Amino acid sequence: MKGNRKMNQAKTLCKFLSVASLLSAAGLLMTISSTANASGFQLWEQDGASIGNYHAGRAAIAEDASTSFYNPAGLVRIHNQQLVIGLDPIMTNFKYTGTVNVTNNGILSTGPQTTTAQGGNFALVPDLHYAAPISNRVVFGFSVVSPFGLQTDYGRGAYARYAATMTKLTVIDLAPSLGFALTDKLSLGVGLDFERARGEFDLVAGIPYFGIIPGSSASAFDTTSTNVGYSWGYGYHLGALYQFSEQTRIGLSYHSHVVQHLRGSSHFNGRLANGMAGGEQTSGALKANPIFPATTALSIFHTINSSWDVMGSVIYTEWSVFSNLRLQNVAAINGQFHPINNLEVNIPEHYRNTWNLALGANYHVNTQWMLRSGIGYDETPVNNSYRNLQLPDGNRFIIGLGTHFQATKNLGFDAGWDHFFVQQTRIKQLSQDVGSQNTVTDGKVNASADVFGFQMTWDIV
C-alpha cells in the first residue's frame, strides 16, 4: 500500500512538473508571438472556445481553466489539473477615404490632398490557461492572455502618412489566481495581473509644399518618426459565482485599471533630422503614461434541458481614464528647423465609458459534439469630436458561430468565428500638431473584422 501511494505521488509530481515545463515554454512563445501581433484596443479574445458565443456568459460559464482570467471564482468547478491552449487569428479591414492637409510652420501648405489609405492587418492572439485543485475548496489558476492591443498600419505610400503610419500596442498579462468555495453555492476568487506593454507611435514629417516646385517631389523631405516604449504595469481581478441550481448560475467579475509607465527611444530619420543635415536623430528618454481601463462583467448561464444552454453578459469598461495620449522627449526639429530631443506630443482622446452586450446559446448534438452561437453589440469608446487615424473606431454588431468536439474523455477541441459589422465613422476636420507640423484630417472610415478561435482543452487525470 505504501509503495502504491508513493508511486501515485511520484506520478502526480511528474505530471505537475511536465505541465510546469510546458507552461514555461508556452509562456515564452506567447510573449514572442503577441509582441509581433495585436489588433484592436480592447480584446475580448482570451480563449478560443468562447469565440463561438461572442464571449456571452464569460463570467458564469466556468467550464474550463480560462475562467481563471474571466472569473477566478469559477475555478472551484475545475476538479482536476487542466491545460487550455488557444490561438485566435484576427483579420481587420478598414479604409480611410478623405483629405489630409499638411502645414509647416503655419505657412507652407499644399491645401487638402485627397487620399485613400488601407490600415487593416492580420494578427494572431494566443492564450494559455492552467488550473490545479489545491484542496476540495481551493483551486489555483494561471493565465497568459492579451487583454488590450492595437495595430493600425497605413504604410508610407499614402498621403495619410503625415497623420499616422504605424500605431501599435501589445499587452501581455500574466495572471495567477485562486478560487475559494465558501459554500456549496457561493464561491469567490482573486488574482493578480502583471502586464507587460509595448507601445509604438509612428508618422512621417515632411514639407510636401515643396512638391509644387517643378522637378521636385512632395516626399523629398519625408523623415520618419519612430517612437517605441516598454513597461510593466500591475493590477488585480476579483470574482464571485453563485450557483442557484444545477441548471443556473450567475457570475460577477472585476478587472482593475492598470497604469503603465512606458520608457523607450525616439528616432527621427531622414532629410529633416539634425537640423536638416540628414541622418538619424535619437532621443533615449521617450516616455508616456497611459492608463488601461477597469472592466466589470455580469454574466448568467442556464441549462434549459439536455440539448440547450443559454447565456448572456453585460460588460462595463471605464474608458474615461484614457483622456490624453502624451509622448515626451520625442526626437524632432523645431520651427526654425533646429534639432530637439524634448518635443512633447499631445493627442487628445477623451474616451468615454462603454457597454458591451452579448447573448449566446449552445446546442448539444450528442455526447461528443456541441454547436455554439452568439450575437453582441460593442460600443466604441472613441469620442466623435476626437476620432483620429490612429484608432478610427466605431460601434459594432457581432455574430458568432462555433463548435466543440470531445475527442476523448480527457481531450476536447473548439473552433469558432465572429464577424464584426462596424458602423461607418467620420473624422471631422481633426487638427493635430506634432512640433511645427500641423495635419488636418477630414474623411470617412469603412471597417469590418473577422475573428477566429481555436482551442485545445486537456484534462490531466
Protein backbone atom coordinates (compact mmCIF):
# COMPACT_ATOMS: atom_id res chain seq x y z
CA MET A 1 0.00 0.00 0.00
CA LYS A 2 2.78 2.41 0.91
CA GLY A 3 4.57 1.56 -2.32
CA ASN A 4 1.44 2.28 -4.36
CA ARG A 5 0.92 5.54 -2.52
CA LYS A 6 4.48 6.64 -3.26
CA MET A 7 4.10 5.62 -6.88
CA ASN A 8 0.90 7.66 -7.25
CA GLN A 9 2.57 10.64 -5.60
CA ALA A 10 5.51 10.32 -7.98
CA LYS A 11 3.17 10.17 -10.98
CA THR A 12 1.33 13.26 -9.77
CA LEU A 13 4.61 15.10 -9.29
CA CYS A 14 5.80 14.14 -12.76
CA LYS A 15 2.55 15.37 -14.27
CA PHE A 16 2.86 18.65 -12.41
CA LEU A 17 6.49 19.15 -13.47
CA SER A 18 5.73 18.32 -17.10
CA VAL A 19 2.85 20.81 -17.14
CA ALA A 20 5.03 23.43 -15.43
CA SER A 21 7.67 22.98 -18.14
CA LEU A 22 5.01 23.25 -20.85
CA LEU A 23 3.65 26.41 -19.25
CA SER A 24 7.10 27.99 -19.21
CA ALA A 25 7.71 27.17 -22.87
CA ALA A 26 4.23 28.30 -23.94
CA GLY A 27 4.59 31.50 -21.93
CA LEU A 28 7.82 32.32 -23.74
CA LEU A 29 6.23 31.53 -27.10
CA MET A 30 3.25 33.74 -26.29
CA THR A 31 5.46 36.67 -25.40
CA ILE A 32 7.20 36.45 -28.75
CA SER A 33 4.03 35.92 -30.79
CA SER A 34 1.91 38.54 -29.06
CA THR A 35 4.61 41.14 -29.26
CA ALA A 36 4.55 40.73 -33.02
CA ASN A 37 0.78 40.65 -33.42
CA ALA A 38 -2.11 42.52 -31.87
CA SER A 39 -5.32 44.04 -33.15
CA GLY A 40 -7.95 46.31 -31.67
CA PHE A 41 -7.57 48.26 -28.44
CA GLN A 42 -9.71 46.14 -26.13
CA LEU A 43 -9.52 42.46 -26.88
CA TRP A 44 -12.24 40.03 -25.83
CA GLU A 45 -10.36 37.03 -27.20
CA GLN A 46 -8.78 35.48 -24.12
CA ASP A 47 -9.68 31.92 -25.16
CA GLY A 48 -10.70 30.08 -28.30
CA ALA A 49 -13.91 28.37 -27.19
CA SER A 50 -15.92 31.49 -26.29
CA ILE A 51 -15.43 32.96 -29.78
CA GLY A 52 -18.42 30.90 -30.94
CA ASN A 53 -20.67 32.58 -28.33
CA TYR A 54 -19.01 36.01 -28.68
CA HIS A 55 -17.92 35.64 -25.00
CA ALA A 56 -21.55 35.58 -23.77
CA GLY A 57 -21.65 34.28 -20.21
CA ARG A 58 -17.88 34.67 -19.77
CA ALA A 59 -18.08 35.35 -16.01
CA ALA A 60 -20.53 32.48 -15.34
CA ILE A 61 -19.77 29.54 -17.65
CA ALA A 62 -16.64 28.30 -15.82
CA GLU A 63 -16.40 25.18 -17.97
CA ASP A 64 -12.60 25.18 -18.38
CA ALA A 65 -9.42 26.74 -16.97
CA SER A 66 -9.95 30.03 -18.86
CA THR A 67 -12.28 31.03 -16.00
CA SER A 68 -9.05 31.78 -14.12
CA PHE A 69 -8.94 35.07 -16.05
CA TYR A 70 -12.64 35.64 -16.79
CA ASN A 71 -13.85 34.97 -13.23
CA PRO A 72 -11.46 33.25 -10.78
CA ALA A 73 -14.40 32.23 -8.57
CA GLY A 74 -15.30 29.70 -11.28
CA LEU A 75 -12.06 27.78 -10.66
CA VAL A 76 -13.83 25.72 -7.99
CA ARG A 77 -15.71 23.97 -10.81
CA ILE A 78 -12.42 22.55 -12.15
CA HIS A 79 -11.86 19.24 -10.30
CA ASN A 80 -8.54 18.12 -11.81
CA GLN A 81 -5.46 19.61 -13.41
CA GLN A 82 -6.39 21.16 -16.73
CA LEU A 83 -4.47 22.90 -19.50
CA VAL A 84 -6.08 25.14 -22.14
CA ILE A 85 -4.15 26.41 -25.16
CA GLY A 86 -5.80 28.72 -27.70
CA LEU A 87 -4.96 30.70 -30.82
CA ASP A 88 -7.17 33.41 -32.30
CA PRO A 89 -6.37 34.70 -35.81
CA ILE A 90 -7.79 38.19 -36.41
CA MET A 91 -8.31 39.88 -39.77
CA THR A 92 -9.28 43.54 -39.84
CA ASN A 93 -10.28 45.56 -42.86
CA PHE A 94 -10.72 49.31 -42.68
CA LYS A 95 -10.20 52.01 -45.28
CA TYR A 96 -9.90 55.76 -44.90
CA THR A 97 -11.17 57.93 -47.77
CA GLY A 98 -10.87 61.70 -47.49
CA THR A 99 -8.35 64.52 -47.34
CA VAL A 100 -5.23 65.34 -45.38
CA ASN A 101 -3.89 68.90 -45.22
CA VAL A 102 -0.28 69.41 -44.07
CA THR A 103 1.00 72.80 -42.94
CA ASN A 104 4.56 73.52 -41.81
CA ASN A 105 5.47 76.49 -39.61
CA GLY A 106 1.98 77.87 -40.18
CA ILE A 107 2.69 78.97 -43.76
CA LEU A 108 3.86 76.16 -46.03
CA SER A 109 0.77 74.25 -47.14
CA THR A 110 -0.43 72.50 -50.27
CA GLY A 111 -4.03 72.56 -49.09
CA PRO A 112 -6.22 69.46 -48.59
CA GLN A 113 -4.99 66.45 -50.59
CA THR A 114 -7.38 63.61 -51.42
CA THR A 115 -6.12 60.22 -50.29
CA THR A 116 -7.19 56.63 -49.70
CA ALA A 117 -5.39 54.59 -47.05
CA GLN A 118 -5.83 50.94 -46.03
CA GLY A 119 -4.99 50.21 -42.40
CA GLY A 120 -6.23 46.65 -41.94
CA ASN A 121 -3.98 43.75 -41.00
CA PHE A 122 -3.71 40.13 -39.93
CA ALA A 123 -2.79 39.22 -36.34
CA LEU A 124 -2.52 36.20 -34.05
CA VAL A 125 -3.61 36.39 -30.42
CA PRO A 126 -2.59 33.27 -28.43
CA ASP A 127 -3.68 32.38 -24.90
CA LEU A 128 -2.84 29.82 -22.24
CA HIS A 129 -4.66 28.77 -19.04
CA TYR A 130 -3.86 26.25 -16.33
CA ALA A 131 -5.87 25.10 -13.29
CA ALA A 132 -4.92 22.78 -10.43
CA PRO A 133 -7.00 21.94 -7.32
CA ILE A 134 -5.15 22.54 -4.06
CA SER A 135 -7.93 21.08 -1.92
CA ASN A 136 -11.63 20.30 -2.23
CA ARG A 137 -12.42 24.01 -1.80
CA VAL A 138 -9.39 25.86 -3.18
CA VAL A 139 -8.18 25.83 -6.80
CA PHE A 140 -5.15 27.57 -8.30
CA GLY A 141 -5.25 29.06 -11.78
CA PHE A 142 -2.77 30.77 -14.09
CA SER A 143 -3.44 32.59 -17.37
CA VAL A 144 -1.31 34.22 -20.05
CA VAL A 145 -3.53 36.44 -22.20
CA SER A 146 -3.65 39.69 -24.14
CA PRO A 147 -6.45 41.93 -22.78
CA PHE A 148 -5.57 45.01 -24.85
CA GLY A 149 -3.97 45.51 -28.23
CA LEU A 150 -3.93 47.92 -31.14
CA GLN A 151 -2.41 47.85 -34.60
CA THR A 152 -3.10 50.23 -37.46
CA ASP A 153 -0.58 50.45 -40.28
CA TYR A 154 -1.21 52.75 -43.25
CA GLY A 155 2.29 52.32 -44.65
CA ARG A 156 4.29 55.20 -46.06
CA GLY A 157 2.85 55.40 -49.54
CA ALA A 158 -0.43 57.23 -48.94
CA TYR A 159 -0.66 60.94 -48.14
CA ALA A 160 -2.16 59.90 -44.79
CA ARG A 161 1.41 59.11 -43.67
CA TYR A 162 1.72 62.68 -42.37
CA ALA A 163 -1.08 61.95 -39.86
CA ALA A 164 -0.17 58.34 -38.98
CA THR A 165 1.74 55.32 -40.25
CA MET A 166 2.15 52.59 -37.62
CA THR A 167 0.33 52.72 -34.28
CA LYS A 168 0.75 49.59 -32.21
CA LEU A 169 0.07 48.47 -28.66
CA THR A 170 0.80 44.99 -27.31
CA VAL A 171 -0.16 43.97 -23.76
CA ILE A 172 0.71 40.55 -22.30
CA ASP A 173 -0.98 39.73 -18.96
CA LEU A 174 0.50 37.10 -16.62
CA ALA A 175 -2.35 36.36 -14.21
CA PRO A 176 -2.18 33.92 -11.26
CA SER A 177 -5.50 33.36 -9.46
CA LEU A 178 -7.15 31.48 -6.60
CA GLY A 179 -10.77 30.32 -6.35
CA PHE A 180 -12.41 29.56 -2.99
CA ALA A 181 -15.66 27.64 -2.37
CA LEU A 182 -17.29 29.31 0.64
CA THR A 183 -20.43 27.16 0.45
CA ASP A 184 -21.84 24.63 -1.97
CA LYS A 185 -23.43 27.52 -3.88
CA LEU A 186 -21.13 30.53 -3.39
CA SER A 187 -17.50 30.87 -4.44
CA LEU A 188 -15.11 33.82 -4.57
CA GLY A 189 -11.92 34.41 -6.50
CA VAL A 190 -8.95 36.76 -6.54
CA GLY A 191 -6.00 37.20 -8.87
CA LEU A 192 -3.10 39.45 -9.78
CA ASP A 193 -2.25 40.96 -13.17
CA PHE A 194 1.35 41.51 -14.25
CA GLU A 195 1.08 43.29 -17.58
CA ARG A 196 3.94 43.85 -19.99
CA ALA A 197 3.20 46.60 -22.50
CA ARG A 198 4.90 47.70 -25.69
CA GLY A 199 3.70 50.86 -27.43
CA GLU A 200 4.70 52.25 -30.82
CA PHE A 201 3.61 55.54 -32.37
CA ASP A 202 4.99 56.43 -35.81
CA LEU A 203 4.35 59.00 -38.52
CA VAL A 204 6.16 60.90 -41.28
CA ALA A 205 7.32 64.51 -41.07
CA GLY A 206 7.95 66.38 -44.29
CA ILE A 207 7.48 69.50 -46.34
CA PRO A 208 5.13 68.35 -49.12
CA TYR A 209 4.62 72.02 -50.09
CA PHE A 210 7.92 71.90 -51.96
CA GLY A 211 6.37 69.35 -54.30
CA ILE A 212 4.64 72.17 -56.21
CA ILE A 213 8.04 73.31 -57.46
CA PRO A 214 8.68 71.89 -60.95
CA GLY A 215 11.05 68.95 -60.82
CA SER A 216 10.55 68.47 -57.05
CA SER A 217 8.82 65.66 -55.20
CA ALA A 218 6.30 66.11 -52.39
CA SER A 219 8.11 63.35 -50.50
CA ALA A 220 11.63 64.75 -50.97
CA PHE A 221 11.91 65.84 -47.34
CA ASP A 222 9.99 62.93 -45.79
CA THR A 223 11.52 61.94 -42.46
CA THR A 224 10.25 59.04 -40.37
CA SER A 225 9.47 59.41 -36.68
CA THR A 226 9.57 56.07 -34.83
CA ASN A 227 8.74 56.02 -31.12
CA VAL A 228 8.77 52.79 -29.07
CA GLY A 229 8.40 52.30 -25.31
CA TYR A 230 8.09 49.39 -22.85
CA SER A 231 6.90 48.98 -19.28
CA TRP A 232 5.38 46.70 -16.63
CA GLY A 233 2.06 47.57 -15.02
CA TYR A 234 0.22 45.87 -12.17
CA GLY A 235 -3.40 45.29 -11.26
CA TYR A 236 -5.80 42.72 -9.85
CA HIS A 237 -9.03 40.91 -10.64
CA LEU A 238 -11.87 39.68 -8.42
CA GLY A 239 -14.84 37.42 -8.93
CA ALA A 240 -17.92 35.87 -7.38
CA LEU A 241 -20.03 32.95 -8.63
CA TYR A 242 -23.39 31.85 -7.25
CA GLN A 243 -24.96 28.53 -8.21
CA PHE A 244 -28.73 28.83 -7.84
CA SER A 245 -29.21 25.24 -9.00
CA GLU A 246 -27.51 22.64 -11.16
CA GLN A 247 -29.01 24.46 -14.14
CA THR A 248 -28.42 28.13 -13.33
CA ARG A 249 -25.50 30.23 -12.12
CA ILE A 250 -24.58 33.89 -12.17
CA GLY A 251 -21.11 35.42 -12.11
CA LEU A 252 -19.66 38.85 -11.39
CA SER A 253 -16.05 39.80 -12.14
CA TYR A 254 -13.90 42.92 -11.96
CA HIS A 255 -10.54 43.73 -13.54
CA SER A 256 -8.82 46.81 -12.14
CA HIS A 257 -7.30 49.61 -14.20
CA VAL A 258 -3.56 49.39 -14.84
CA VAL A 259 -1.17 52.36 -15.08
CA GLN A 260 1.75 51.91 -17.46
CA HIS A 261 4.95 53.99 -17.50
CA LEU A 262 6.31 53.42 -20.98
CA ARG A 263 10.00 54.21 -21.41
CA GLY A 264 11.99 53.88 -24.60
CA SER A 265 13.53 55.71 -27.52
CA SER A 266 12.55 58.08 -30.31
CA HIS A 267 14.21 58.03 -33.73
CA PHE A 268 13.94 60.78 -36.35
CA ASN A 269 15.43 59.51 -39.60
CA GLY A 270 15.68 61.36 -42.92
CA ARG A 271 16.50 64.71 -44.55
CA LEU A 272 14.95 66.87 -41.81
CA ALA A 273 16.93 65.24 -38.99
CA ASN A 274 19.81 67.01 -37.26
CA GLY A 275 18.68 70.46 -38.34
CA MET A 276 18.15 69.37 -42.00
CA ALA A 277 21.64 67.88 -42.16
CA GLY A 278 20.03 64.46 -42.61
CA GLY A 279 20.83 61.13 -40.99
CA GLU A 280 19.33 59.89 -37.75
CA GLN A 281 18.49 61.87 -34.64
CA THR A 282 17.80 59.88 -31.44
CA SER A 283 16.30 60.52 -28.03
CA GLY A 284 16.75 57.79 -25.43
CA ALA A 285 14.37 59.37 -22.92
CA LEU A 286 10.97 58.81 -24.58
CA LYS A 287 8.16 58.34 -22.07
CA ALA A 288 4.37 58.05 -21.87
CA ASN A 289 2.00 57.08 -19.07
CA PRO A 290 -1.21 55.57 -20.49
CA ILE A 291 -3.89 54.09 -18.22
CA PHE A 292 -5.72 50.94 -19.27
CA PRO A 293 -9.33 50.86 -18.03
CA ALA A 294 -11.11 48.78 -15.42
CA THR A 295 -13.77 46.32 -16.59
CA THR A 296 -16.80 44.87 -14.77
CA ALA A 297 -18.72 41.87 -16.17
CA LEU A 298 -22.06 40.42 -15.05
CA SER A 299 -22.99 37.07 -16.65
CA ILE A 300 -25.59 34.34 -16.40
CA PHE A 301 -25.58 30.73 -17.61
CA HIS A 302 -28.68 28.50 -17.73
CA THR A 303 -29.20 24.92 -18.90
CA ILE A 304 -32.70 24.56 -20.37
CA ASN A 305 -32.55 20.81 -20.97
CA SER A 306 -30.11 18.14 -22.11
CA SER A 307 -29.84 19.80 -25.53
CA TRP A 308 -29.83 23.57 -24.93
CA ASP A 309 -27.87 26.10 -22.85
CA VAL A 310 -28.34 29.88 -22.95
CA MET A 311 -26.06 32.57 -21.58
CA GLY A 312 -25.55 36.33 -21.54
CA SER A 313 -23.18 39.07 -20.40
CA VAL A 314 -23.25 42.79 -19.70
CA ILE A 315 -19.77 44.35 -19.53
CA TYR A 316 -18.91 47.91 -18.47
CA THR A 317 -15.50 49.38 -19.32
CA GLU A 318 -14.30 52.58 -17.62
CA TRP A 319 -12.57 54.11 -20.63
CA SER A 320 -12.75 57.70 -19.33
CA VAL A 321 -9.30 57.22 -17.73
CA PHE A 322 -7.84 57.36 -21.26
CA SER A 323 -8.17 61.07 -21.89
CA ASN A 324 -4.92 62.21 -23.47
CA LEU A 325 -2.01 60.39 -25.11
CA ARG A 326 1.10 62.33 -24.15
CA LEU A 327 4.53 61.50 -25.57
CA GLN A 328 7.51 63.26 -24.02
CA ASN A 329 11.10 63.68 -25.20
CA VAL A 330 10.41 62.96 -28.85
CA ALA A 331 13.27 63.50 -31.32
CA ALA A 332 12.28 66.17 -33.85
CA ILE A 333 13.08 69.67 -35.15
CA ASN A 334 11.57 72.95 -34.01
CA GLY A 335 10.02 75.77 -36.03
CA GLN A 336 13.46 77.06 -37.01
CA PHE A 337 14.44 73.55 -38.18
CA HIS A 338 16.84 73.14 -35.25
CA PRO A 339 17.19 69.61 -33.79
CA ILE A 340 15.48 68.96 -30.43
CA ASN A 341 15.10 65.80 -28.38
CA ASN A 342 12.49 67.00 -25.89
CA LEU A 343 9.42 67.58 -28.06
CA GLU A 344 6.11 66.92 -26.31
CA VAL A 345 3.30 65.48 -28.43
CA ASN A 346 -0.27 65.58 -27.08
CA ILE A 347 -3.09 63.69 -28.77
CA PRO A 348 -6.48 64.38 -27.14
CA GLU A 349 -8.61 61.22 -26.93
CA HIS A 350 -11.32 61.92 -24.32
CA TYR A 351 -12.59 58.35 -24.37
CA ARG A 352 -15.98 57.62 -22.82
CA ASN A 353 -17.15 54.67 -20.72
CA THR A 354 -18.79 51.89 -22.73
CA TRP A 355 -21.17 48.93 -22.56
CA ASN A 356 -20.78 45.58 -24.25
CA LEU A 357 -23.76 43.20 -24.57
CA ALA A 358 -23.62 39.53 -25.57
CA LEU A 359 -26.16 36.69 -25.84
CA GLY A 360 -25.36 33.09 -26.73
CA ALA A 361 -26.69 29.56 -26.98
CA ASN A 362 -25.25 26.03 -27.08
CA TYR A 363 -26.86 23.03 -28.76
CA HIS A 364 -25.62 19.59 -27.63
CA VAL A 365 -25.87 17.35 -30.68
CA ASN A 366 -24.64 14.30 -28.77
CA THR A 367 -22.04 13.45 -26.14
CA GLN A 368 -19.19 14.41 -28.50
CA TRP A 369 -20.43 17.40 -30.48
CA MET A 370 -21.79 20.78 -29.41
CA LEU A 371 -22.70 23.79 -31.56
CA ARG A 372 -22.32 27.39 -30.33
CA SER A 373 -23.84 30.69 -31.46
CA GLY A 374 -23.82 34.27 -30.24
CA ILE A 375 -24.73 37.86 -31.02
CA GLY A 376 -23.48 41.08 -29.48
CA TYR A 377 -23.18 44.85 -29.52
CA ASP A 378 -19.98 46.68 -28.62
CA GLU A 379 -19.88 50.44 -28.04
CA THR A 380 -16.82 52.35 -29.17
CA PRO A 381 -15.05 54.49 -26.55
CA VAL A 382 -13.95 56.96 -29.22
CA ASN A 383 -15.35 60.46 -28.90
CA ASN A 384 -16.69 61.60 -32.29
CA SER A 385 -15.02 65.01 -31.95
CA TYR A 386 -11.58 63.46 -31.39
CA ARG A 387 -11.63 60.41 -33.67
CA ASN A 388 -8.25 60.04 -35.41
CA LEU A 389 -6.48 57.80 -37.89
CA GLN A 390 -4.62 56.01 -35.10
CA LEU A 391 -7.91 54.40 -33.97
CA PRO A 392 -10.87 55.36 -36.20
CA ASP A 393 -13.14 53.05 -34.23
CA GLY A 394 -16.93 52.72 -34.45
CA ASN A 395 -19.82 50.89 -32.77
CA ARG A 396 -20.00 47.21 -33.72
CA PHE A 397 -22.62 44.49 -34.15
CA ILE A 398 -21.32 40.94 -33.92
CA ILE A 399 -22.48 37.46 -34.89
CA GLY A 400 -20.69 34.31 -33.79
CA LEU A 401 -20.70 30.58 -34.59
CA GLY A 402 -18.64 27.74 -33.18
CA THR A 403 -18.37 24.08 -32.30
CA HIS A 404 -16.88 21.81 -29.63
CA PHE A 405 -15.65 18.27 -30.24
CA GLN A 406 -14.85 15.97 -27.31
CA ALA A 407 -12.30 13.67 -28.94
CA THR A 408 -11.64 11.60 -25.81
CA LYS A 409 -12.63 11.72 -22.17
CA ASN A 410 -9.67 13.99 -21.44
CA LEU A 411 -9.16 15.91 -24.69
CA GLY A 412 -11.51 18.43 -26.31
CA PHE A 413 -11.22 20.82 -29.26
CA ASP A 414 -13.06 24.06 -30.07
CA ALA A 415 -13.34 26.26 -33.14
CA GLY A 416 -15.26 29.50 -33.55
CA TRP A 417 -15.81 32.57 -35.74
CA ASP A 418 -17.01 36.10 -35.06
CA HIS A 419 -17.83 38.69 -37.72
CA PHE A 420 -17.82 42.37 -36.74
CA PHE A 421 -20.08 44.78 -38.62
CA VAL A 422 -18.52 48.18 -37.83
CA GLN A 423 -20.58 51.30 -38.39
CA GLN A 424 -19.10 53.81 -40.80
CA THR A 425 -17.35 56.60 -38.93
CA ARG A 426 -16.26 60.16 -39.69
CA ILE A 427 -13.08 62.05 -38.93
CA LYS A 428 -14.25 65.65 -39.00
CA GLN A 429 -11.63 68.32 -39.65
CA LEU A 430 -9.42 66.88 -36.93
CA SER A 431 -6.37 69.09 -36.33
CA GLN A 432 -3.21 67.55 -34.86
CA ASP A 433 0.11 69.26 -34.08
CA VAL A 434 3.45 67.48 -33.92
CA GLY A 435 6.15 70.09 -33.47
CA SER A 436 5.92 72.62 -36.30
CA GLN A 437 3.82 70.28 -38.47
CA ASN A 438 0.03 70.51 -38.42
CA THR A 439 -2.24 68.00 -40.14
CA VAL A 440 -5.99 68.32 -40.65
CA THR A 441 -7.82 65.09 -41.49
CA ASP A 442 -11.33 65.02 -42.91
CA GLY A 443 -12.98 61.90 -44.27
CA LYS A 444 -14.77 58.63 -43.57
CA VAL A 445 -13.71 55.15 -42.49
CA ASN A 446 -15.37 51.87 -43.52
CA ALA A 447 -14.38 48.85 -41.44
CA SER A 448 -15.10 45.21 -40.64
CA ALA A 449 -13.30 42.37 -38.90
CA ASP A 450 -13.28 38.59 -38.63
CA VAL A 451 -12.02 36.75 -35.56
CA PHE A 452 -11.38 33.00 -35.50
CA GLY A 453 -10.80 30.92 -32.39
CA PHE A 454 -9.10 27.54 -31.94
CA GLN A 455 -8.63 25.78 -28.61
CA MET A 456 -7.42 22.53 -27.10
CA THR A 457 -8.51 21.53 -23.59
CA TRP A 458 -6.57 18.78 -21.81
CA ASP A 459 -7.83 17.28 -18.55
CA ILE A 460 -4.75 15.87 -16.81
CA VAL A 461 -6.07 12.95 -14.77
